[in-house]
Amino acid sequence: LAIAQRDASPQRQRATKDPDQPNMDGLVEVSFKIDESGRIQIVHINSTSTQLTEYVVKKLTKIKLDTESGSEGKVITYRFVFKKQA
């Protein structure tokens, strides 16, 4: 019985990896600022998919960064490339 549980475990981990992650190819380019509290404020976003845009926005709004680096207020542009994995 213990062996069967170990064998089933990796399958369960793959299935529950990130249920909100879109399973598609695409590109999201986002420009954002870091405010005084370390929260990301999106300035501009461009994407090949509405679903990918929503996914990136959801993840970025959960992030809180350290503001001691002096990067707050500066606009940062980042490109996220999504590709299906085999």
Protein backbone atom coordinates (compact mmCIF):
# COMPACT_ATOMS: atom_id res chain seq x y z
CA LEU A 1 0.00 0.00 0.00
CA ALA A 2 2.84 2.43 0.81
CA ILE A 3 4.41 1.77 -2.61
CA ALA A 4 1.15 2.55 -4.39
CA GLN A 5 0.89 5.87 -2.56
CA ARG A 6 4.42 6.84 -3.58
CA ASP A 7 3.73 5.94 -7.21
CA ALA A 8 0.55 8.05 -7.28
CA SER A 9 2.16 11.06 -5.63
CA PRO A 10 4.17 12.42 -8.63
CA GLN A 11 1.07 12.27 -10.83
CA ARG A 12 -0.88 14.24 -8.27
CA GLN A 13 1.88 16.86 -8.04
CA ARG A 14 1.89 17.37 -11.81
CA ALA A 15 -1.88 17.70 -11.92
CA THR A 16 -1.94 20.33 -9.16
CA LYS A 17 1.18 22.28 -10.22
CA ASP A 18 -0.68 25.55 -10.94
CA PRO A 19 -4.29 25.16 -12.02
CA ASP A 20 -4.51 28.87 -12.93
CA GLN A 21 -1.55 28.76 -15.33
CA PRO A 22 -2.67 29.05 -18.93
CA ASN A 23 -1.67 26.18 -21.19
CA MET A 24 -0.85 28.12 -24.35
CA ASP A 25 1.90 29.82 -26.29
CA GLY A 26 2.15 33.58 -26.27
CA LEU A 27 3.89 36.74 -25.24
CA VAL A 28 3.13 39.33 -22.59
CA GLU A 29 5.15 42.54 -22.41
CA VAL A 30 4.49 44.62 -19.33
CA SER A 31 5.83 47.97 -18.13
CA PHE A 32 5.49 48.65 -14.43
CA LYS A 33 6.68 50.80 -11.55
CA ILE A 34 7.39 49.83 -7.97
CA ASP A 35 5.60 52.08 -5.50
CA GLU A 36 6.86 53.21 -2.07
CA SER A 37 5.35 50.16 -0.39
CA GLY A 38 7.05 47.71 -2.80
CA ARG A 39 3.91 46.89 -4.78
CA ILE A 40 3.97 46.62 -8.56
CA GLN A 41 1.89 49.21 -10.41
CA ILE A 42 1.33 48.27 -14.07
CA VAL A 43 1.83 51.19 -16.46
CA HIS A 44 1.27 49.39 -19.78
CA ILE A 45 0.67 45.83 -20.89
CA ASN A 46 0.59 44.28 -24.35
CA SER A 47 -0.13 40.63 -25.06
CA THR A 48 -1.01 38.06 -27.67
CA SER A 49 -3.72 36.63 -25.38
CA THR A 50 -6.27 37.99 -22.94
CA GLN A 51 -5.88 34.85 -20.81
CA LEU A 52 -2.10 35.34 -20.56
CA THR A 53 -2.58 39.02 -19.72
CA GLU A 54 -4.94 38.15 -16.86
CA TYR A 55 -2.53 35.49 -15.60
CA VAL A 56 0.49 37.84 -15.53
CA VAL A 57 -1.48 40.68 -13.91
CA LYS A 58 -2.79 38.30 -11.22
CA LYS A 59 0.73 37.07 -10.40
CA LEU A 60 2.39 40.52 -10.47
CA THR A 61 -0.17 42.09 -8.15
CA LYS A 62 0.70 39.49 -5.48
CA ILE A 63 4.38 40.45 -5.42
CA LYS A 64 5.87 42.78 -2.82
CA LEU A 65 9.45 43.88 -3.43
CA ASP A 66 12.15 45.44 -1.28
CA THR A 67 12.32 49.18 -1.93
CA GLU A 68 15.84 49.66 -0.51
CA SER A 69 17.39 49.19 -3.97
CA GLY A 70 16.24 52.65 -5.07
CA SER A 71 14.21 51.24 -7.96
CA GLU A 72 10.87 52.61 -6.85
CA GLY A 73 9.27 54.98 -9.36
CA LYS A 74 11.41 53.77 -12.28
CA VAL A 75 9.58 52.16 -15.19
CA ILE A 76 10.67 48.58 -15.83
CA THR A 77 9.66 46.68 -18.96
CA TYR A 78 9.68 42.90 -18.93
CA ARG A 79 8.73 40.35 -21.55
CA PHE A 80 7.18 37.01 -20.52
CA VAL A 81 7.30 34.28 -23.18
CA PHE A 82 5.01 31.29 -22.69
CA LYS A 83 5.60 28.03 -24.58
CA LYS A 84 3.80 24.73 -24.29
CA GLN A 85 5.91 21.99 -22.79
CA ALA A 86 5.82 18.51 -24.26
